[in-house]
Amino acid sequence: MADLEKGTTTTTTSGVDHRPYADNGSAAYRNSPTTPVRTNIGNPGTLGLFSFASTTLILSLYNTSARGVNTPNVVVGMALFCGGLVQLLAGMWEFAKGNTFGATAFSSYGAFWLSYATILIPGSGISDAFTDVPSQEPNAIGIFLMTWMTVTFLLFIASLRKNIGFIALFFFLTFTFMCLGAGNFVVASAPNASAGLIKAGGALGIITALIAYYVGLSELLASERAAVVGLPIGVFKHD
């Protein structure tokens, strides 16, 4: 994260100190030069990253047919509450901390998991709408996934100013969505030919989840004063 978003910037280009004073008279840094938000708010990054990683790992294992599982519906509960609700809450707290990048990413993927879970819920009626023309459903899901590939690529561009951990995370996630989206397009015309792309997307998703776990653990250790070790994620220094 940039120094401004981490709350470590004390001056603006005009040289004005943007540190408001707490009630006890001690300096409390703002997360943004325009909002009086103090850094005593806990870092929601680990919560969001762990939730994203866990849900992504489960679905990715299903996509690789781990233990012979090909039907992903068990992920619905995780997608609703862990990947969806918890990430959305983490995103809201990132807004409170003045971290626009984290807020946008967590809130967006929280919405992704909530919407993806809705597609898989039989009672939603979404799948039933394609009963007359079954080939439309995988095409529709392919468009859905390719749209999220676009969102992820834009976040990847923004991550180039953050750290190596985020760059790797969004790089692999972009290709995960691409493979899964392409796999669904293939399903519409040749169902048996899609297995390779879906499994490739699953494998890339597993890598993405492991990177998210690593970055999340790095942030968790960084927030603990008594942490024995820290995990480097290649943070870029901004002047």
C-alpha atoms as a PDB file:
ATOM      1  CA  MET A   1       0.000   0.000   0.000  1.00  0.00           C
ATOM      2  CA  ALA A   2       1.054   3.560  -0.612  1.00  0.00           C
ATOM      3  CA  ASP A   3       2.296   5.529   2.369  1.00  0.00           C
ATOM      4  CA  LEU A   4      -0.812   7.714   2.195  1.00  0.00           C
ATOM      5  CA  GLU A   5      -3.130   4.718   2.426  1.00  0.00           C
ATOM      6  CA  LYS A   6      -1.094   3.159   5.239  1.00  0.00           C
ATOM      7  CA  GLY A   7      -1.435   6.370   7.199  1.00  0.00           C
ATOM      8  CA  THR A   8       2.293   7.045   7.392  1.00  0.00           C
ATOM      9  CA  THR A   9       2.284  10.263   5.374  1.00  0.00           C
ATOM     10  CA  THR A  10       2.586  13.296   7.624  1.00  0.00           C
ATOM     11  CA  THR A  11       2.649  16.129   5.110  1.00  0.00           C
ATOM     12  CA  THR A  12       1.142  17.080   1.772  1.00  0.00           C
ATOM     13  CA  THR A  13       2.909  18.724  -1.130  1.00  0.00           C
ATOM     14  CA  SER A  14       2.116  22.033   0.504  1.00  0.00           C
ATOM     15  CA  GLY A  15       3.972  20.975   3.647  1.00  0.00           C
ATOM     16  CA  VAL A  16       0.909  21.004   5.883  1.00  0.00           C
ATOM     17  CA  ASP A  17       0.879  18.449   8.701  1.00  0.00           C
ATOM     18  CA  HIS A  18      -2.312  16.401   8.574  1.00  0.00           C
ATOM     19  CA  ARG A  19      -1.990  14.722  11.965  1.00  0.00           C
ATOM     20  CA  PRO A  20      -5.032  15.534  14.115  1.00  0.00           C
ATOM     21  CA  TYR A  21      -4.566  15.270  17.858  1.00  0.00           C
ATOM     22  CA  ALA A  22      -6.435  12.713  19.861  1.00  0.00           C
ATOM     23  CA  ASP A  23      -8.297  13.671  23.021  1.00  0.00           C
ATOM     24  CA  ASN A  24      -5.250  12.827  25.121  1.00  0.00           C
ATOM     25  CA  GLY A  25      -3.117  15.216  23.126  1.00  0.00           C
ATOM     26  CA  SER A  26      -1.075  12.560  21.330  1.00  0.00           C
ATOM     27  CA  ALA A  27      -0.693  12.651  17.577  1.00  0.00           C
ATOM     28  CA  ALA A  28      -2.943  10.272  15.655  1.00  0.00           C
ATOM     29  CA  TYR A  29      -2.233   9.914  11.946  1.00  0.00           C
ATOM     30  CA  ARG A  30      -4.993  10.199   9.408  1.00  0.00           C
ATOM     31  CA  ASN A  31      -5.327   7.638   6.613  1.00  0.00           C
ATOM     32  CA  SER A  32      -6.118  10.438   4.197  1.00  0.00           C
ATOM     33  CA  PRO A  33      -5.301  14.153   4.194  1.00  0.00           C
ATOM     34  CA  THR A  34      -8.991  14.924   3.665  1.00  0.00           C
ATOM     35  CA  THR A  35     -10.640  12.719   6.329  1.00  0.00           C
ATOM     36  CA  PRO A  36     -10.024  12.605  10.098  1.00  0.00           C
ATOM     37  CA  VAL A  37      -9.758   8.793  10.231  1.00  0.00           C
ATOM     38  CA  ARG A  38      -7.181   7.564  12.718  1.00  0.00           C
ATOM     39  CA  THR A  39      -4.966   4.522  12.381  1.00  0.00           C
ATOM     40  CA  ASN A  40      -6.153   2.855  15.582  1.00  0.00           C
ATOM     41  CA  ILE A  41      -8.700   0.991  13.414  1.00  0.00           C
ATOM     42  CA  GLY A  42      -7.528  -2.605  12.997  1.00  0.00           C
ATOM     43  CA  ASN A  43      -6.286  -3.693   9.583  1.00  0.00           C
ATOM     44  CA  PRO A  44      -9.126  -5.558   7.778  1.00  0.00           C
ATOM     45  CA  GLY A  45      -6.767  -6.739   5.035  1.00  0.00           C
ATOM     46  CA  THR A  46      -6.010 -10.137   6.539  1.00  0.00           C
ATOM     47  CA  LEU A  47      -9.700 -10.896   7.076  1.00  0.00           C
ATOM     48  CA  GLY A  48     -10.495 -10.072   3.469  1.00  0.00           C
ATOM     49  CA  LEU A  49      -7.514 -11.969   2.056  1.00  0.00           C
ATOM     50  CA  PHE A  50      -8.102 -15.105   4.135  1.00  0.00           C
ATOM     51  CA  SER A  51     -11.797 -15.119   3.200  1.00  0.00           C
ATOM     52  CA  PHE A  52     -10.992 -14.676  -0.475  1.00  0.00           C
ATOM     53  CA  ALA A  53      -8.258 -17.324  -0.373  1.00  0.00           C
ATOM     54  CA  SER A  54     -10.369 -19.945   1.403  1.00  0.00           C
ATOM     55  CA  THR A  55     -13.343 -19.627  -0.926  1.00  0.00           C
ATOM     56  CA  THR A  56     -11.122 -19.537  -4.022  1.00  0.00           C
ATOM     57  CA  LEU A  57      -9.176 -22.592  -2.869  1.00  0.00           C
ATOM     58  CA  ILE A  58     -12.318 -24.674  -2.330  1.00  0.00           C
ATOM     59  CA  LEU A  59     -13.829 -23.812  -5.719  1.00  0.00           C
ATOM     60  CA  SER A  60     -10.480 -24.284  -7.474  1.00  0.00           C
ATOM     61  CA  LEU A  61     -10.064 -27.747  -5.985  1.00  0.00           C
ATOM     62  CA  TYR A  62     -13.513 -28.629  -7.309  1.00  0.00           C
ATOM     63  CA  ASN A  63     -12.528 -27.271 -10.738  1.00  0.00           C
ATOM     64  CA  THR A  64      -9.529 -29.608 -10.783  1.00  0.00           C
ATOM     65  CA  SER A  65     -11.825 -32.516  -9.841  1.00  0.00           C
ATOM     66  CA  ALA A  66     -10.027 -33.066  -6.525  1.00  0.00           C
ATOM     67  CA  ARG A  67     -11.261 -36.283  -4.857  1.00  0.00           C
ATOM     68  CA  GLY A  68     -13.518 -36.795  -7.862  1.00  0.00           C
ATOM     69  CA  VAL A  69     -15.717 -33.789  -7.079  1.00  0.00           C
ATOM     70  CA  ASN A  70     -17.082 -32.082 -10.198  1.00  0.00           C
ATOM     71  CA  THR A  71     -20.184 -30.364  -8.806  1.00  0.00           C
ATOM     72  CA  PRO A  72     -19.227 -27.104  -7.042  1.00  0.00           C
ATOM     73  CA  ASN A  73     -22.465 -26.488  -5.111  1.00  0.00           C
ATOM     74  CA  VAL A  74     -20.904 -27.125  -1.680  1.00  0.00           C
ATOM     75  CA  VAL A  75     -19.031 -23.848  -2.170  1.00  0.00           C
ATOM     76  CA  VAL A  76     -22.326 -21.919  -2.049  1.00  0.00           C
ATOM     77  CA  GLY A  77     -22.246 -21.505   1.740  1.00  0.00           C
ATOM     78  CA  MET A  78     -18.627 -20.322   1.670  1.00  0.00           C
ATOM     79  CA  ALA A  79     -19.350 -17.987  -1.227  1.00  0.00           C
ATOM     80  CA  LEU A  80     -22.315 -16.413   0.564  1.00  0.00           C
ATOM     81  CA  PHE A  81     -20.843 -15.897   4.007  1.00  0.00           C
ATOM     82  CA  CYS A  82     -17.050 -16.090   3.827  1.00  0.00           C
ATOM     83  CA  GLY A  83     -16.124 -14.999   0.313  1.00  0.00           C
ATOM     84  CA  GLY A  84     -19.158 -12.743   0.013  1.00  0.00           C
ATOM     85  CA  LEU A  85     -20.338 -11.203   3.275  1.00  0.00           C
ATOM     86  CA  VAL A  86     -17.008 -11.176   5.125  1.00  0.00           C
ATOM     87  CA  GLN A  87     -15.123  -9.695   2.169  1.00  0.00           C
ATOM     88  CA  LEU A  88     -17.796  -7.058   1.722  1.00  0.00           C
ATOM     89  CA  LEU A  89     -17.438  -6.091   5.389  1.00  0.00           C
ATOM     90  CA  ALA A  90     -13.638  -5.998   5.035  1.00  0.00           C
ATOM     91  CA  GLY A  91     -14.051  -3.699   2.052  1.00  0.00           C
ATOM     92  CA  MET A  92     -16.252  -1.328   4.026  1.00  0.00           C
ATOM     93  CA  TRP A  93     -13.632  -1.102   6.775  1.00  0.00           C
ATOM     94  CA  GLU A  94     -10.939  -0.452   4.177  1.00  0.00           C
ATOM     95  CA  PHE A  95     -12.974   2.599   3.165  1.00  0.00           C
ATOM     96  CA  ALA A  96     -12.928   3.694   6.810  1.00  0.00           C
ATOM     97  CA  LYS A  97      -9.138   3.380   6.822  1.00  0.00           C
ATOM     98  CA  GLY A  98      -8.803   5.434   3.651  1.00  0.00           C
ATOM     99  CA  ASN A  99      -7.490   2.512   1.563  1.00  0.00           C
ATOM    100  CA  THR A 100      -9.259   2.941  -1.766  1.00  0.00           C
ATOM    101  CA  PHE A 101      -7.500   0.003  -3.434  1.00  0.00           C
ATOM    102  CA  GLY A 102      -8.300  -2.487  -0.678  1.00  0.00           C
ATOM    103  CA  ALA A 103     -11.862  -1.218  -0.341  1.00  0.00           C
ATOM    104  CA  THR A 104     -12.497  -1.555  -4.067  1.00  0.00           C
ATOM    105  CA  ALA A 105     -10.936  -5.017  -4.314  1.00  0.00           C
ATOM    106  CA  PHE A 106     -12.579  -6.584  -1.252  1.00  0.00           C
ATOM    107  CA  SER A 107     -16.003  -5.057  -1.904  1.00  0.00           C
ATOM    108  CA  SER A 108     -15.888  -6.084  -5.564  1.00  0.00           C
ATOM    109  CA  TYR A 109     -14.918  -9.696  -4.919  1.00  0.00           C
ATOM    110  CA  GLY A 110     -17.400  -9.886  -2.067  1.00  0.00           C
ATOM    111  CA  ALA A 111     -20.060  -8.952  -4.622  1.00  0.00           C
ATOM    112  CA  PHE A 112     -18.610 -11.501  -7.055  1.00  0.00           C
ATOM    113  CA  TRP A 113     -18.942 -14.371  -4.605  1.00  0.00           C
ATOM    114  CA  LEU A 114     -22.458 -13.341  -3.586  1.00  0.00           C
ATOM    115  CA  SER A 115     -23.558 -13.194  -7.217  1.00  0.00           C
ATOM    116  CA  TYR A 116     -21.800 -16.457  -8.116  1.00  0.00           C
ATOM    117  CA  ALA A 117     -23.458 -18.233  -5.199  1.00  0.00           C
ATOM    118  CA  THR A 118     -26.836 -16.911  -6.325  1.00  0.00           C
ATOM    119  CA  ILE A 119     -26.317 -18.515  -9.737  1.00  0.00           C
ATOM    120  CA  LEU A 120     -25.720 -21.903  -8.089  1.00  0.00           C
ATOM    121  CA  ILE A 121     -28.712 -21.732  -5.738  1.00  0.00           C
ATOM    122  CA  PRO A 122     -31.543 -23.745  -7.342  1.00  0.00           C
ATOM    123  CA  GLY A 123     -34.212 -21.531  -5.812  1.00  0.00           C
ATOM    124  CA  SER A 124     -32.828 -18.461  -7.573  1.00  0.00           C
ATOM    125  CA  GLY A 125     -34.334 -19.674 -10.848  1.00  0.00           C
ATOM    126  CA  ILE A 126     -31.310 -18.494 -12.818  1.00  0.00           C
ATOM    127  CA  SER A 127     -30.407 -21.926 -14.206  1.00  0.00           C
ATOM    128  CA  ASP A 128     -34.066 -22.732 -14.870  1.00  0.00           C
ATOM    129  CA  ALA A 129     -34.257 -19.756 -17.226  1.00  0.00           C
ATOM    130  CA  PHE A 130     -31.949 -21.579 -19.658  1.00  0.00           C
ATOM    131  CA  THR A 131     -33.912 -24.848 -19.808  1.00  0.00           C
ATOM    132  CA  ASP A 132     -35.149 -24.291 -23.373  1.00  0.00           C
ATOM    133  CA  VAL A 133     -31.680 -23.465 -24.746  1.00  0.00           C
ATOM    134  CA  PRO A 134     -29.091 -25.166 -22.464  1.00  0.00           C
ATOM    135  CA  SER A 135     -26.091 -23.861 -24.440  1.00  0.00           C
ATOM    136  CA  GLN A 136     -26.953 -20.301 -23.403  1.00  0.00           C
ATOM    137  CA  GLU A 137     -26.134 -20.898 -19.740  1.00  0.00           C
ATOM    138  CA  PRO A 138     -22.394 -21.675 -20.159  1.00  0.00           C
ATOM    139  CA  ASN A 139     -22.130 -18.779 -22.610  1.00  0.00           C
ATOM    140  CA  ALA A 140     -23.783 -16.484 -20.065  1.00  0.00           C
ATOM    141  CA  ILE A 141     -21.468 -17.698 -17.294  1.00  0.00           C
ATOM    142  CA  GLY A 142     -18.513 -17.255 -19.651  1.00  0.00           C
ATOM    143  CA  ILE A 143     -19.480 -13.618 -20.216  1.00  0.00           C
ATOM    144  CA  PHE A 144     -19.899 -13.211 -16.440  1.00  0.00           C
ATOM    145  CA  LEU A 145     -16.384 -14.582 -15.784  1.00  0.00           C
ATOM    146  CA  MET A 146     -14.769 -12.604 -18.605  1.00  0.00           C
ATOM    147  CA  THR A 147     -16.256  -9.421 -17.168  1.00  0.00           C
ATOM    148  CA  TRP A 148     -14.605 -10.223 -13.849  1.00  0.00           C
ATOM    149  CA  MET A 149     -11.373 -10.915 -15.704  1.00  0.00           C
ATOM    150  CA  THR A 150     -11.566  -7.327 -16.958  1.00  0.00           C
ATOM    151  CA  VAL A 151     -12.133  -5.974 -13.435  1.00  0.00           C
ATOM    152  CA  THR A 152      -9.234  -8.073 -12.156  1.00  0.00           C
ATOM    153  CA  PHE A 153      -6.926  -6.840 -14.913  1.00  0.00           C
ATOM    154  CA  LEU A 154      -7.699  -3.233 -13.975  1.00  0.00           C
ATOM    155  CA  LEU A 155      -6.868  -4.032 -10.346  1.00  0.00           C
ATOM    156  CA  PHE A 156      -3.688  -5.708 -11.572  1.00  0.00           C
ATOM    157  CA  ILE A 157      -2.669  -2.427 -13.221  1.00  0.00           C
ATOM    158  CA  ALA A 158      -3.318  -0.584  -9.944  1.00  0.00           C
ATOM    159  CA  SER A 159      -1.335  -3.238  -8.029  1.00  0.00           C
ATOM    160  CA  LEU A 160       1.789  -2.301  -9.974  1.00  0.00           C
ATOM    161  CA  ARG A 161       2.114   0.610  -7.521  1.00  0.00           C
ATOM    162  CA  LYS A 162       1.595  -1.585  -4.438  1.00  0.00           C
ATOM    163  CA  ASN A 163       3.842  -4.589  -3.860  1.00  0.00           C
ATOM    164  CA  ILE A 164       5.030  -7.794  -5.504  1.00  0.00           C
ATOM    165  CA  GLY A 165       2.572  -9.886  -3.498  1.00  0.00           C
ATOM    166  CA  PHE A 166      -0.456  -8.048  -4.893  1.00  0.00           C
ATOM    167  CA  ILE A 167       1.018  -8.044  -8.395  1.00  0.00           C
ATOM    168  CA  ALA A 168       1.377 -11.838  -8.313  1.00  0.00           C
ATOM    169  CA  LEU A 169      -2.097 -12.240  -6.803  1.00  0.00           C
ATOM    170  CA  PHE A 170      -3.942 -10.234  -9.447  1.00  0.00           C
ATOM    171  CA  PHE A 171      -1.753 -11.592 -12.265  1.00  0.00           C
ATOM    172  CA  PHE A 172      -2.726 -15.197 -11.533  1.00  0.00           C
ATOM    173  CA  LEU A 173      -6.326 -14.257 -10.765  1.00  0.00           C
ATOM    174  CA  THR A 174      -6.674 -12.574 -14.157  1.00  0.00           C
ATOM    175  CA  PHE A 175      -5.612 -15.761 -15.935  1.00  0.00           C
ATOM    176  CA  THR A 176      -7.812 -17.835 -13.637  1.00  0.00           C
ATOM    177  CA  PHE A 177     -10.896 -15.937 -14.783  1.00  0.00           C
ATOM    178  CA  MET A 178      -9.719 -16.080 -18.394  1.00  0.00           C
ATOM    179  CA  CYS A 179      -9.346 -19.881 -18.371  1.00  0.00           C
ATOM    180  CA  LEU A 180     -12.646 -20.456 -16.579  1.00  0.00           C
ATOM    181  CA  GLY A 181     -14.488 -18.052 -18.866  1.00  0.00           C
ATOM    182  CA  ALA A 182     -13.001 -19.625 -21.990  1.00  0.00           C
ATOM    183  CA  GLY A 183     -13.791 -23.069 -20.606  1.00  0.00           C
ATOM    184  CA  ASN A 184     -17.458 -22.135 -20.280  1.00  0.00           C
ATOM    185  CA  PHE A 185     -17.522 -20.825 -23.846  1.00  0.00           C
ATOM    186  CA  VAL A 186     -16.172 -24.171 -25.018  1.00  0.00           C
ATOM    187  CA  VAL A 187     -18.804 -26.020 -22.979  1.00  0.00           C
ATOM    188  CA  ALA A 188     -21.501 -24.311 -25.032  1.00  0.00           C
ATOM    189  CA  SER A 189     -20.249 -25.877 -28.262  1.00  0.00           C
ATOM    190  CA  ALA A 190     -18.170 -28.906 -27.251  1.00  0.00           C
ATOM    191  CA  PRO A 191     -18.708 -29.955 -23.608  1.00  0.00           C
ATOM    192  CA  ASN A 192     -16.052 -32.679 -23.594  1.00  0.00           C
ATOM    193  CA  ALA A 193     -13.355 -30.300 -24.830  1.00  0.00           C
ATOM    194  CA  SER A 194     -13.642 -27.890 -21.901  1.00  0.00           C
ATOM    195  CA  ALA A 195     -12.062 -30.084 -19.225  1.00  0.00           C
ATOM    196  CA  GLY A 196      -8.529 -28.875 -19.896  1.00  0.00           C
ATOM    197  CA  LEU A 197      -9.376 -25.182 -19.623  1.00  0.00           C
ATOM    198  CA  ILE A 198     -11.486 -25.644 -16.504  1.00  0.00           C
ATOM    199  CA  LYS A 199      -8.739 -27.645 -14.804  1.00  0.00           C
ATOM    200  CA  ALA A 200      -6.151 -25.069 -15.851  1.00  0.00           C
ATOM    201  CA  GLY A 201      -8.334 -22.372 -14.302  1.00  0.00           C
ATOM    202  CA  GLY A 202      -8.608 -24.490 -11.169  1.00  0.00           C
ATOM    203  CA  ALA A 203      -4.834 -24.922 -10.955  1.00  0.00           C
ATOM    204  CA  LEU A 204      -4.282 -21.178 -11.406  1.00  0.00           C
ATOM    205  CA  GLY A 205      -6.948 -20.543  -8.767  1.00  0.00           C
ATOM    206  CA  ILE A 206      -5.087 -22.743  -6.282  1.00  0.00           C
ATOM    207  CA  ILE A 207      -1.908 -20.735  -6.893  1.00  0.00           C
ATOM    208  CA  THR A 208      -3.894 -17.506  -6.479  1.00  0.00           C
ATOM    209  CA  ALA A 209      -5.367 -18.719  -3.177  1.00  0.00           C
ATOM    210  CA  LEU A 210      -1.946 -19.667  -1.803  1.00  0.00           C
ATOM    211  CA  ILE A 211      -0.564 -16.238  -2.703  1.00  0.00           C
ATOM    212  CA  ALA A 212      -3.554 -14.590  -0.988  1.00  0.00           C
ATOM    213  CA  TYR A 213      -2.898 -16.680   2.143  1.00  0.00           C
ATOM    214  CA  TYR A 214       0.744 -15.567   2.113  1.00  0.00           C
ATOM    215  CA  VAL A 215      -0.056 -11.871   1.691  1.00  0.00           C
ATOM    216  CA  GLY A 216      -2.771 -12.104   4.351  1.00  0.00           C
ATOM    217  CA  LEU A 217      -0.402 -13.769   6.815  1.00  0.00           C
ATOM    218  CA  SER A 218       2.216 -11.116   6.065  1.00  0.00           C
ATOM    219  CA  GLU A 219      -0.259  -8.361   6.955  1.00  0.00           C
ATOM    220  CA  LEU A 220      -1.364 -10.223  10.083  1.00  0.00           C
ATOM    221  CA  LEU A 221       2.198 -10.595  11.336  1.00  0.00           C
ATOM    222  CA  ALA A 222       2.947  -6.961  10.522  1.00  0.00           C
ATOM    223  CA  SER A 223       0.060  -5.867  12.740  1.00  0.00           C
ATOM    224  CA  GLU A 224       1.365  -7.836  15.728  1.00  0.00           C
ATOM    225  CA  ARG A 225       4.068  -6.070  17.719  1.00  0.00           C
ATOM    226  CA  ALA A 226       5.318  -9.344  19.208  1.00  0.00           C
ATOM    227  CA  ALA A 227       5.440 -11.235  15.894  1.00  0.00           C
ATOM    228  CA  VAL A 228       8.485 -13.526  15.839  1.00  0.00           C
ATOM    229  CA  VAL A 229       8.997 -13.264  12.097  1.00  0.00           C
ATOM    230  CA  GLY A 230       7.684 -11.194   9.240  1.00  0.00           C
ATOM    231  CA  LEU A 231       6.924 -12.247   5.692  1.00  0.00           C
ATOM    232  CA  PRO A 232       8.261  -9.955   2.942  1.00  0.00           C
ATOM    233  CA  ILE A 233       5.825  -9.084   0.148  1.00  0.00           C
ATOM    234  CA  GLY A 234       8.069  -6.680  -1.754  1.00  0.00           C
ATOM    235  CA  VAL A 235       6.522  -3.338  -0.779  1.00  0.00           C
ATOM    236  CA  PHE A 236       7.466  -0.479  -3.112  1.00  0.00           C
ATOM    237  CA  LYS A 237       8.660   2.731  -1.487  1.00  0.00           C
ATOM    238  CA  HIS A 238       6.988   5.939  -2.709  1.00  0.00           C
ATOM    239  CA  ASP A 239       8.676   9.278  -2.335  1.00  0.00           C
END
